[in-house]
């Protein structure tokens, strides 16, 4: 029997959306590996843009926190974005041991194009909805997103529960 509770339906929908949302920028074949913009570059560009709105200086550590990745992973992702010409490093005004990260003109333009493309896509998906439905959906989705940020999942026991589930299937 399928779980059709609202939480289950939303979970399935969000999983499908995540896969679709990343697809346009995700390489699918070896020939696509030379694509000008990798999803990781876009993630870094968006992170730096958002952080730059709130912080006096964006660092690799701040990008790591924003993307919820280890500092070493963030460093690699930032290096890739720098190499692609989307991000520039400058000397920190606060700490000579750190670099300040800024979007290059190319990075700003790529962000603009990606955002415009996503928004046009969303607009096309809801174009035949009446205005009231679009407004309600926007309000509820925003409310859901704000709640998920304010109350992130507690994953501290997930590894243990997964290990127990695997052990249950291998016993007997």
Protein backbone atom coordinates (compact mmCIF):
# COMPACT_ATOMS: atom_id res chain seq x y z
CA UNK A 1 0.00 0.00 0.00
CA UNK A 2 1.34 3.42 -0.98
CA UNK A 3 1.71 6.16 1.59
CA UNK A 4 -0.45 9.03 0.40
CA UNK A 5 -0.22 11.23 3.46
CA UNK A 6 0.55 14.87 2.66
CA UNK A 7 4.08 14.48 4.04
CA UNK A 8 4.76 11.45 1.82
CA UNK A 9 3.35 13.15 -1.28
CA UNK A 10 5.43 16.28 -0.62
CA UNK A 11 8.56 14.16 -0.02
CA UNK A 12 8.15 12.40 -3.39
CA UNK A 13 7.45 15.69 -5.16
CA UNK A 14 10.51 17.39 -3.64
CA UNK A 15 12.73 14.45 -4.62
CA UNK A 16 11.46 14.64 -8.21
CA UNK A 17 11.93 18.41 -8.30
CA UNK A 18 15.52 18.20 -7.04
CA UNK A 19 16.41 15.77 -9.80
CA UNK A 20 14.72 17.86 -12.50
CA UNK A 21 16.14 21.16 -11.22
CA UNK A 22 19.74 19.96 -11.36
CA UNK A 23 19.36 18.18 -14.71
CA UNK A 24 19.85 21.09 -17.15
CA UNK A 25 23.33 21.79 -15.80
CA UNK A 26 24.39 18.27 -14.85
CA UNK A 27 26.67 16.52 -17.32
CA UNK A 28 25.10 13.32 -18.62
CA UNK A 29 27.76 11.97 -20.97
CA UNK A 30 31.50 12.10 -21.24
CA UNK A 31 31.15 14.55 -24.15
CA UNK A 32 29.24 16.92 -21.84
CA UNK A 33 32.10 17.07 -19.33
CA UNK A 34 33.42 20.16 -21.11
CA UNK A 35 30.13 22.02 -20.60
CA UNK A 36 30.85 25.69 -19.84
CA UNK A 37 28.85 25.73 -16.60
CA UNK A 38 28.77 22.85 -14.18
CA UNK A 39 26.10 22.69 -11.49
CA UNK A 40 28.82 23.02 -8.83
CA UNK A 41 29.90 26.34 -10.42
CA UNK A 42 26.32 27.61 -10.28
CA UNK A 43 26.01 26.54 -6.63
CA UNK A 44 29.17 28.47 -5.74
CA UNK A 45 28.06 31.52 -7.72
CA UNK A 46 24.68 31.53 -5.95
CA UNK A 47 26.30 31.02 -2.55
CA UNK A 48 28.73 33.90 -3.05
CA UNK A 49 25.96 36.16 -4.33
CA UNK A 50 23.74 35.42 -1.31
CA UNK A 51 26.59 35.72 1.19
CA UNK A 52 27.77 38.97 -0.36
CA UNK A 53 24.37 40.48 0.46
CA UNK A 54 24.81 39.73 4.17
CA UNK A 55 28.53 39.62 4.94
CA UNK A 56 31.27 42.24 4.73
CA UNK A 57 33.53 39.60 3.18
CA UNK A 58 32.85 36.20 1.62
CA UNK A 59 35.38 33.46 2.38
CA UNK A 60 35.71 29.79 1.49
CA UNK A 61 34.58 28.99 5.03
CA UNK A 62 31.39 30.98 4.53
CA UNK A 63 30.78 29.20 1.21
CA UNK A 64 31.28 25.85 2.97
CA UNK A 65 28.69 26.78 5.56
CA UNK A 66 26.25 28.11 2.97
CA UNK A 67 26.53 24.97 0.83
CA UNK A 68 26.63 22.69 3.90
CA UNK A 69 29.85 20.98 2.78
CA UNK A 70 33.24 20.41 4.37
CA UNK A 71 35.75 23.26 4.02
CA UNK A 72 37.98 21.08 1.81
CA UNK A 73 35.05 20.41 -0.53
CA UNK A 74 34.17 24.10 -0.61
CA UNK A 75 37.79 24.94 -1.38
CA UNK A 76 37.76 22.55 -4.36
CA UNK A 77 34.40 23.91 -5.58
CA UNK A 78 35.61 27.51 -5.26
CA UNK A 79 38.85 26.65 -7.07
CA UNK A 80 36.81 25.15 -9.93
CA UNK A 81 34.65 28.30 -10.10
CA UNK A 82 37.77 30.48 -10.08
CA UNK A 83 39.25 28.34 -12.85
CA UNK A 84 36.06 28.73 -14.88
CA UNK A 85 36.30 32.51 -14.48
CA UNK A 86 33.15 32.93 -12.39
CA UNK A 87 34.81 33.88 -9.12
CA UNK A 88 37.74 36.13 -8.28
CA UNK A 89 39.97 36.04 -5.22
CA UNK A 90 41.09 39.26 -3.58
CA UNK A 91 43.15 39.99 -0.51
CA UNK A 92 41.06 40.02 2.65
CA UNK A 93 40.63 43.37 4.32
CA UNK A 94 40.35 41.65 7.70
CA UNK A 95 42.75 38.71 7.69
CA UNK A 96 45.82 38.40 5.45
CA UNK A 97 45.64 34.59 5.78
CA UNK A 98 42.28 34.45 4.00
CA UNK A 99 41.05 35.40 0.56
CA UNK A 100 37.97 37.43 -0.14
CA UNK A 101 35.72 35.93 -2.82
CA UNK A 102 33.80 38.00 -5.33
CA UNK A 103 31.80 37.18 -8.40
CA UNK A 104 33.53 38.15 -11.60
CA UNK A 105 31.52 39.95 -14.29
CA UNK A 106 31.23 36.54 -16.00
CA UNK A 107 29.94 34.98 -12.76
CA UNK A 108 27.37 37.74 -12.28
CA UNK A 109 26.16 37.34 -15.84
CA UNK A 110 25.94 33.55 -15.59
CA UNK A 111 23.91 33.93 -12.39
CA UNK A 112 21.54 36.37 -14.11
CA UNK A 113 21.04 33.98 -17.04
CA UNK A 114 20.48 30.94 -14.81
CA UNK A 115 17.99 32.79 -12.59
CA UNK A 116 16.12 34.20 -15.60
CA UNK A 117 15.98 30.74 -17.18
CA UNK A 118 14.67 29.09 -14.00
CA UNK A 119 12.07 31.80 -13.49
CA UNK A 120 10.89 31.56 -17.10
CA UNK A 121 10.61 27.79 -16.67
CA UNK A 122 8.57 28.14 -13.46
CA UNK A 123 6.37 30.75 -15.12
CA UNK A 124 5.73 28.37 -18.01
CA UNK A 125 4.75 25.57 -15.61
CA UNK A 126 2.15 27.68 -13.84
CA UNK A 127 1.05 29.77 -16.83
CA UNK A 128 -2.33 28.06 -17.08
CA UNK A 129 -3.03 28.33 -13.32
CA UNK A 130 -5.33 31.09 -12.23
CA UNK A 131 -3.72 34.00 -10.39
CA UNK A 132 -5.16 32.97 -7.00
CA UNK A 133 -3.64 29.47 -7.28
CA UNK A 134 -0.24 30.92 -8.24
CA UNK A 135 -0.32 33.29 -5.26
CA UNK A 136 -1.40 30.56 -2.81
CA UNK A 137 1.25 28.17 -4.14
CA UNK A 138 3.96 30.85 -3.86
CA UNK A 139 2.89 31.73 -0.32
CA UNK A 140 2.72 28.11 0.87
CA UNK A 141 5.96 27.08 -0.82
CA UNK A 142 7.73 30.08 0.72
CA UNK A 143 6.29 29.18 4.11
CA UNK A 144 7.46 25.58 3.67
CA UNK A 145 10.97 26.71 2.63
CA UNK A 146 11.23 29.10 5.58
CA UNK A 147 10.13 26.36 7.99
CA UNK A 148 12.70 23.94 6.55
CA UNK A 149 15.48 26.50 7.01
CA UNK A 150 14.34 27.41 10.52
CA UNK A 151 14.02 23.75 11.55
CA UNK A 152 16.52 21.62 9.61
CA UNK A 153 16.19 17.85 9.98
CA UNK A 154 18.03 16.18 12.84
CA UNK A 155 20.08 13.57 11.02
CA UNK A 156 22.18 12.58 14.02
CA UNK A 157 20.57 9.15 14.26
CA UNK A 158 20.13 8.46 10.55
CA UNK A 159 23.44 6.61 10.04
CA UNK A 160 22.65 4.32 12.97
CA UNK A 161 19.12 3.66 11.73
CA UNK A 162 20.38 2.89 8.22
CA UNK A 163 22.99 0.50 9.64
CA UNK A 164 20.25 -1.22 11.68
CA UNK A 165 18.01 -1.50 8.61
CA UNK A 166 20.84 -3.04 6.60
CA UNK A 167 21.61 -5.45 9.43
CA UNK A 168 17.94 -6.50 9.57
CA UNK A 169 18.02 -7.47 5.90
CA UNK A 170 21.25 -9.48 6.18
CA UNK A 171 20.26 -11.51 9.27
CA UNK A 172 18.60 -14.85 8.70
